[in-house]
C-alpha atoms as a PDB file:
ATOM      1  CA  MET A   1     126.722 -47.837-157.977  1.00  0.00           C
ATOM      2  CA  SER A   2     124.873 -47.470-154.678  1.00  0.00           C
ATOM      3  CA  ALA A   3     125.678 -49.693-151.710  1.00  0.00           C
ATOM      4  CA  VAL A   4     122.194 -51.255-151.805  1.00  0.00           C
ATOM      5  CA  LYS A   5     122.582 -52.258-155.464  1.00  0.00           C
ATOM      6  CA  ARG A   6     125.988 -53.756-154.755  1.00  0.00           C
ATOM      7  CA  ILE A   7     124.613 -55.793-151.854  1.00  0.00           C
ATOM      8  CA  MET A   8     121.723 -57.050-153.992  1.00  0.00           C
ATOM      9  CA  LYS A   9     124.232 -58.133-156.644  1.00  0.00           C
ATOM     10  CA  VAL A  10     126.225 -59.952-153.962  1.00  0.00           C
ATOM     11  CA  LEU A  11     123.125 -62.028-153.174  1.00  0.00           C
ATOM     12  CA  GLY A  12     122.848 -63.104-156.806  1.00  0.00           C
ATOM     13  CA  HIS A  13     126.503 -63.365-157.817  1.00  0.00           C
ATOM     14  CA  PRO A  14     128.588 -63.321-154.625  1.00  0.00           C
ATOM     15  CA  SER A  15     131.969 -64.298-156.085  1.00  0.00           C
ATOM     16  CA  SER A  16     132.017 -61.889-159.023  1.00  0.00           C
ATOM     17  CA  GLU A  17     130.566 -58.928-157.122  1.00  0.00           C
ATOM     18  CA  LEU A  18     132.808 -59.382-154.071  1.00  0.00           C
ATOM     19  CA  TYR A  19     135.812 -59.689-156.360  1.00  0.00           C
ATOM     20  CA  GLU A  20     134.850 -56.406-157.992  1.00  0.00           C
ATOM     21  CA  MET A  21     134.366 -54.744-154.594  1.00  0.00           C
ATOM     22  CA  LYS A  22     137.778 -56.004-153.518  1.00  0.00           C
ATOM     23  CA  TYR A  23     139.410 -54.824-156.727  1.00  0.00           C
ATOM     24  CA  TYR A  24     137.959 -51.318-156.431  1.00  0.00           C
ATOM     25  CA  LYS A  25     138.233 -51.289-152.610  1.00  0.00           C
ATOM     26  CA  VAL A  26     134.539 -50.452-152.153  1.00  0.00           C
ATOM     27  CA  TRP A  27     133.492 -51.654-148.702  1.00  0.00           C
ATOM     28  CA  PRO A  28     130.836 -49.322-147.202  1.00  0.00           C
ATOM     29  CA  ILE A  29     130.644 -49.660-143.424  1.00  0.00           C
ATOM     30  CA  LEU A  30     127.190 -48.158-142.796  1.00  0.00           C
ATOM     31  CA  PRO A  31     125.184 -50.869-144.634  1.00  0.00           C
ATOM     32  CA  THR A  32     127.234 -53.487-142.816  1.00  0.00           C
ATOM     33  CA  VAL A  33     126.369 -52.016-139.411  1.00  0.00           C
ATOM     34  CA  VAL A  34     122.698 -51.776-140.418  1.00  0.00           C
ATOM     35  CA  ILE A  35     122.661 -55.456-141.438  1.00  0.00           C
ATOM     36  CA  LEU A  36     124.375 -56.455-138.201  1.00  0.00           C
ATOM     37  CA  LEU A  37     121.910 -54.519-136.054  1.00  0.00           C
ATOM     38  CA  ALA A  38     119.051 -55.911-138.157  1.00  0.00           C
ATOM     39  CA  TRP A  39     120.254 -59.417-137.289  1.00  0.00           C
ATOM     40  CA  TYR A  40     120.149 -58.583-133.584  1.00  0.00           C
ATOM     41  CA  ALA A  41     116.733 -56.927-133.907  1.00  0.00           C
ATOM     42  CA  THR A  42     115.414 -59.925-135.832  1.00  0.00           C
ATOM     43  CA  GLU A  43     116.547 -62.341-133.137  1.00  0.00           C
ATOM     44  CA  VAL A  44     114.785 -60.243-130.487  1.00  0.00           C
ATOM     45  CA  LEU A  45     111.721 -60.003-132.722  1.00  0.00           C
ATOM     46  CA  ALA A  46     111.666 -63.771-133.190  1.00  0.00           C
ATOM     47  CA  ILE A  47     111.727 -64.269-129.419  1.00  0.00           C
ATOM     48  CA  TYR A  48     108.949 -61.853-128.564  1.00  0.00           C
ATOM     49  CA  ALA A  49     106.810 -61.630-131.705  1.00  0.00           C
ATOM     50  CA  THR A  50     106.578 -65.260-132.867  1.00  0.00           C
ATOM     51  CA  ASP A  51     103.050 -66.532-132.330  1.00  0.00           C
ATOM     52  CA  PHE A  52     102.613 -68.583-129.164  1.00  0.00           C
ATOM     53  CA  LYS A  53     101.872 -71.736-131.210  1.00  0.00           C
ATOM     54  CA  PHE A  54     105.455 -71.810-132.457  1.00  0.00           C
ATOM     55  CA  ASN A  55     107.205 -69.878-129.706  1.00  0.00           C
ATOM     56  CA  TYR A  56     109.194 -72.244-127.491  1.00  0.00           C
ATOM     57  CA  ASN A  57     111.058 -69.508-125.622  1.00  0.00           C
ATOM     58  CA  ASN A  58     110.568 -68.972-121.927  1.00  0.00           C
ATOM     59  CA  LEU A  59     110.057 -65.210-122.042  1.00  0.00           C
ATOM     60  CA  THR A  60     110.631 -64.825-118.295  1.00  0.00           C
ATOM     61  CA  ASN A  61     114.220 -66.027-118.734  1.00  0.00           C
ATOM     62  CA  VAL A  62     115.061 -64.069-121.891  1.00  0.00           C
ATOM     63  CA  ASN A  63     118.053 -61.762-121.598  1.00  0.00           C
ATOM     64  CA  ILE A  64     118.444 -59.339-124.508  1.00  0.00           C
ATOM     65  CA  LEU A  65     122.037 -58.651-123.456  1.00  0.00           C
ATOM     66  CA  TYR A  66     122.818 -62.326-123.962  1.00  0.00           C
ATOM     67  CA  THR A  67     121.097 -62.117-127.352  1.00  0.00           C
ATOM     68  CA  PHE A  68     123.267 -59.095-128.204  1.00  0.00           C
ATOM     69  CA  ALA A  69     126.405 -60.973-127.177  1.00  0.00           C
ATOM     70  CA  SER A  70     125.409 -64.061-129.184  1.00  0.00           C
ATOM     71  CA  THR A  71     124.795 -62.002-132.326  1.00  0.00           C
ATOM     72  CA  VAL A  72     126.775 -58.759-132.495  1.00  0.00           C
ATOM     73  CA  GLY A  73     129.432 -59.917-130.033  1.00  0.00           C
ATOM     74  CA  LEU A  74     129.937 -63.229-131.811  1.00  0.00           C
ATOM     75  CA  PHE A  75     130.060 -61.458-135.177  1.00  0.00           C
ATOM     76  CA  LEU A  76     132.823 -59.117-133.996  1.00  0.00           C
ATOM     77  CA  LEU A  77     134.730 -62.021-132.437  1.00  0.00           C
ATOM     78  CA  TRP A  78     134.476 -63.939-135.715  1.00  0.00           C
ATOM     79  CA  THR A  79     135.836 -60.948-137.648  1.00  0.00           C
ATOM     80  CA  VAL A  80     138.917 -60.662-135.447  1.00  0.00           C
ATOM     81  CA  VAL A  81     139.609 -64.404-135.190  1.00  0.00           C
ATOM     82  CA  ASN A  82     139.149 -65.014-138.919  1.00  0.00           C
ATOM     83  CA  TRP A  83     141.483 -62.128-139.701  1.00  0.00           C
ATOM     84  CA  ALA A  84     144.101 -63.585-137.337  1.00  0.00           C
ATOM     85  CA  VAL A  85     143.762 -67.117-138.725  1.00  0.00           C
ATOM     86  CA  THR A  86     143.811 -66.090-142.383  1.00  0.00           C
ATOM     87  CA  THR A  87     146.813 -63.845-141.797  1.00  0.00           C
ATOM     88  CA  LEU A  88     148.710 -66.989-140.789  1.00  0.00           C
ATOM     89  CA  LEU A  89     147.320 -68.812-143.842  1.00  0.00           C
ATOM     90  CA  ASP A  90     148.376 -66.077-146.304  1.00  0.00           C
ATOM     91  CA  GLY A  91     144.840 -64.759-146.726  1.00  0.00           C
ATOM     92  CA  LYS A  92     144.420 -61.564-148.717  1.00  0.00           C
ATOM     93  CA  GLY A  93     141.338 -60.226-146.903  1.00  0.00           C
ATOM     94  CA  SER A  94     141.551 -57.242-144.582  1.00  0.00           C
ATOM     95  CA  ILE A  95     139.584 -57.009-141.357  1.00  0.00           C
ATOM     96  CA  ARG A  96     137.226 -54.510-143.025  1.00  0.00           C
ATOM     97  CA  GLU A  97     136.566 -56.878-145.917  1.00  0.00           C
ATOM     98  CA  ILE A  98     135.841 -59.754-143.533  1.00  0.00           C
ATOM     99  CA  PHE A  99     133.504 -57.516-141.534  1.00  0.00           C
ATOM    100  CA  CYS A 100     131.538 -56.389-144.594  1.00  0.00           C
ATOM    101  CA  ALA A 101     131.469 -59.658-146.533  1.00  0.00           C
ATOM    102  CA  THR A 102     130.293 -61.657-143.522  1.00  0.00           C
ATOM    103  CA  SER A 103     127.435 -59.243-142.929  1.00  0.00           C
ATOM    104  CA  TYR A 104     126.224 -59.593-146.531  1.00  0.00           C
ATOM    105  CA  ALA A 105     125.953 -63.336-145.996  1.00  0.00           C
ATOM    106  CA  LEU A 106     123.503 -62.697-143.134  1.00  0.00           C
ATOM    107  CA  ILE A 107     120.875 -61.081-145.366  1.00  0.00           C
ATOM    108  CA  PRO A 108     119.020 -64.248-146.524  1.00  0.00           C
ATOM    109  CA  TYR A 109     118.924 -65.612-142.976  1.00  0.00           C
ATOM    110  CA  VAL A 110     117.633 -62.324-141.557  1.00  0.00           C
ATOM    111  CA  ALA A 111     115.011 -61.959-144.298  1.00  0.00           C
ATOM    112  CA  VAL A 112     113.722 -65.503-143.830  1.00  0.00           C
ATOM    113  CA  SER A 113     113.659 -65.084-140.034  1.00  0.00           C
ATOM    114  CA  ILE A 114     111.398 -62.045-140.407  1.00  0.00           C
ATOM    115  CA  LEU A 115     109.217 -63.967-142.878  1.00  0.00           C
ATOM    116  CA  CYS A 116     108.891 -66.844-140.392  1.00  0.00           C
ATOM    117  CA  VAL A 117     107.715 -64.465-137.661  1.00  0.00           C
ATOM    118  CA  VAL A 118     104.970 -63.259-140.005  1.00  0.00           C
ATOM    119  CA  MET A 119     104.122 -66.816-141.064  1.00  0.00           C
ATOM    120  CA  SER A 120     103.787 -67.904-137.434  1.00  0.00           C
ATOM    121  CA  HIS A 121     100.642 -65.757-137.201  1.00  0.00           C
ATOM    122  CA  LEU A 122      99.156 -67.169-140.402  1.00  0.00           C
ATOM    123  CA  LEU A 123      99.873 -70.892-140.167  1.00  0.00           C
ATOM    124  CA  ILE A 124      98.428 -73.618-137.967  1.00  0.00           C
ATOM    125  CA  MET A 125     100.483 -76.131-135.960  1.00  0.00           C
ATOM    126  CA  GLU A 126     100.259 -78.798-138.675  1.00  0.00           C
ATOM    127  CA  GLU A 127     101.910 -76.415-141.134  1.00  0.00           C
ATOM    128  CA  GLU A 128     105.042 -75.787-139.071  1.00  0.00           C
ATOM    129  CA  SER A 129     107.059 -77.809-141.600  1.00  0.00           C
ATOM    130  CA  PHE A 130     106.728 -74.898-144.055  1.00  0.00           C
ATOM    131  CA  MET A 131     108.536 -72.628-141.611  1.00  0.00           C
ATOM    132  CA  THR A 132     111.224 -75.267-141.109  1.00  0.00           C
ATOM    133  CA  ILE A 133     111.775 -75.484-144.867  1.00  0.00           C
ATOM    134  CA  PHE A 134     112.021 -71.698-145.192  1.00  0.00           C
ATOM    135  CA  ARG A 135     114.483 -71.499-142.292  1.00  0.00           C
ATOM    136  CA  ALA A 136     116.638 -74.250-143.795  1.00  0.00           C
ATOM    137  CA  PHE A 137     116.620 -72.467-147.164  1.00  0.00           C
ATOM    138  CA  GLY A 138     117.611 -69.122-145.611  1.00  0.00           C
ATOM    139  CA  LEU A 139     120.387 -70.709-143.569  1.00  0.00           C
ATOM    140  CA  LEU A 140     121.738 -72.685-146.534  1.00  0.00           C
ATOM    141  CA  TYR A 141     121.647 -69.627-148.795  1.00  0.00           C
ATOM    142  CA  SER A 142     123.547 -67.592-146.190  1.00  0.00           C
ATOM    143  CA  LEU A 143     126.126 -70.363-145.763  1.00  0.00           C
ATOM    144  CA  LEU A 144     126.726 -70.570-149.519  1.00  0.00           C
ATOM    145  CA  ILE A 145     127.267 -66.799-149.752  1.00  0.00           C
ATOM    146  CA  PHE A 146     129.458 -66.905-146.641  1.00  0.00           C
ATOM    147  CA  VAL A 147     131.791 -69.632-147.926  1.00  0.00           C
ATOM    148  CA  SER A 148     131.965 -67.982-151.340  1.00  0.00           C
ATOM    149  CA  ALA A 149     132.776 -64.643-149.670  1.00  0.00           C
ATOM    150  CA  MET A 150     135.597 -66.134-147.610  1.00  0.00           C
ATOM    151  CA  ALA A 151     137.093 -67.788-150.685  1.00  0.00           C
ATOM    152  CA  THR A 152     136.885 -64.575-152.725  1.00  0.00           C
ATOM    153  CA  ILE A 153     138.216 -61.987-150.302  1.00  0.00           C
ATOM    154  CA  HIS A 154     141.085 -64.209-149.115  1.00  0.00           C
ATOM    155  CA  ASP A 155     141.885 -65.503-152.624  1.00  0.00           C
ATOM    156  CA  TYR A 156     141.483 -69.107-151.463  1.00  0.00           C
ATOM    157  CA  SER A 157     140.289 -72.271-153.123  1.00  0.00           C
ATOM    158  CA  MET A 158     136.962 -73.506-151.788  1.00  0.00           C
ATOM    159  CA  ALA A 159     138.702 -76.239-149.767  1.00  0.00           C
ATOM    160  CA  LYS A 160     141.112 -73.770-148.149  1.00  0.00           C
ATOM    161  CA  ALA A 161     138.252 -71.349-147.442  1.00  0.00           C
ATOM    162  CA  ILE A 162     136.373 -74.097-145.594  1.00  0.00           C
ATOM    163  CA  LEU A 163     139.557 -75.010-143.696  1.00  0.00           C
ATOM    164  CA  SER A 164     140.041 -71.371-142.638  1.00  0.00           C
ATOM    165  CA  ILE A 165     136.414 -71.222-141.462  1.00  0.00           C
ATOM    166  CA  LEU A 166     136.818 -74.385-139.386  1.00  0.00           C
ATOM    167  CA  LEU A 167     140.057 -73.105-137.853  1.00  0.00           C
ATOM    168  CA  SER A 168     138.393 -69.769-137.084  1.00  0.00           C
ATOM    169  CA  LEU A 169     135.488 -71.557-135.383  1.00  0.00           C
ATOM    170  CA  ALA A 170     137.970 -73.582-133.340  1.00  0.00           C
ATOM    171  CA  GLY A 171     139.684 -70.338-132.356  1.00  0.00           C
ATOM    172  CA  ILE A 172     136.361 -68.832-131.266  1.00  0.00           C
ATOM    173  CA  VAL A 173     135.570 -71.894-129.138  1.00  0.00           C
ATOM    174  CA  PHE A 174     139.009 -71.647-127.518  1.00  0.00           C
ATOM    175  CA  ILE A 175     138.581 -67.941-126.755  1.00  0.00           C
ATOM    176  CA  LEU A 176     135.101 -68.515-125.313  1.00  0.00           C
ATOM    177  CA  PHE A 177     136.532 -71.316-123.162  1.00  0.00           C
ATOM    178  CA  LEU A 178     139.204 -68.960-121.838  1.00  0.00           C
ATOM    179  CA  LEU A 179     136.553 -66.297-121.144  1.00  0.00           C
ATOM    180  CA  VAL A 180     134.460 -68.784-119.174  1.00  0.00           C
ATOM    181  CA  LEU A 181     137.529 -69.757-117.144  1.00  0.00           C
ATOM    182  CA  PHE A 182     138.429 -66.113-116.584  1.00  0.00           C
ATOM    183  CA  PHE A 183     134.971 -65.100-115.376  1.00  0.00           C
ATOM    184  CA  GLY A 184     134.722 -68.253-113.254  1.00  0.00           C
ATOM    185  CA  LEU A 185     138.060 -67.403-111.608  1.00  0.00           C
ATOM    186  CA  LEU A 186     137.002 -63.781-111.197  1.00  0.00           C
ATOM    187  CA  GLN A 187     133.805 -64.919-109.480  1.00  0.00           C
ATOM    188  CA  GLN A 188     135.791 -67.144-107.114  1.00  0.00           C
ATOM    189  CA  VAL A 189     138.203 -64.313-106.281  1.00  0.00           C
ATOM    190  CA  THR A 190     135.302 -61.933-105.663  1.00  0.00           C
ATOM    191  CA  LEU A 191     133.617 -64.462-103.388  1.00  0.00           C
ATOM    192  CA  PHE A 192     136.887 -65.000-101.494  1.00  0.00           C
ATOM    193  CA  VAL A 193     137.370 -61.251-100.981  1.00  0.00           C
ATOM    194  CA  GLN A 194     133.775 -60.891 -99.749  1.00  0.00           C
ATOM    195  CA  THR A 195     134.230 -63.799 -97.334  1.00  0.00           C
ATOM    196  CA  VAL A 196     137.450 -62.331 -95.925  1.00  0.00           C
ATOM    197  CA  TYR A 197     135.787 -58.932 -95.573  1.00  0.00           C
ATOM    198  CA  MET A 198     132.838 -60.447 -93.701  1.00  0.00           C
ATOM    199  CA  GLU A 199     135.187 -62.326 -91.376  1.00  0.00           C
ATOM    200  CA  LEU A 200     137.085 -59.151 -90.573  1.00  0.00           C
ATOM    201  CA  GLN A 201     133.840 -57.314 -89.915  1.00  0.00           C
ATOM    202  CA  LEU A 202     132.627 -60.006 -87.526  1.00  0.00           C
ATOM    203  CA  ARG A 203     135.889 -59.970 -85.507  1.00  0.00           C
ATOM    204  CA  ARG A 204     135.709 -56.267 -84.800  1.00  0.00           C
END
């Protein structure tokens, strides 16, 4: 079975198809990378291509590197943190399985995001609620696949899968907090070194 057919089956029957993929150890990396990059491209597309009526972004302040970090970077961080957390909780999923299964869950959200960009050029302001409904549907569909995927690949009950997700999110927040502290300290050290250098230059 081709990778595309498997992914389409995951969207319809996530638990059974992911279980089969885990059993036969079929986890193609290329489709996963394509989905991940499509998510990043969709976020950039939504920023720049959404019609002005529904576009609340300040395009002068948009940083595509920040968008990359908040999509691809966050995805990779999730993969590592979830693997670490579930290892402690006797999870059966490998880092490759987490990487692939999480990307499959993104498909409904990405598809609906693209649809909303198109709809923004066809609808009027009073019809914005339709876009909101579509976005909510795409997000909910992705969340359902995501939770089901975590339960399947780690061989967890639904309650334990949700617990592992919450612990992983807490771990991500903690790591991001440490990164903010680190870069803040690095900035202070850099400023101190520059100040000392300037003082030495002025005393010559």
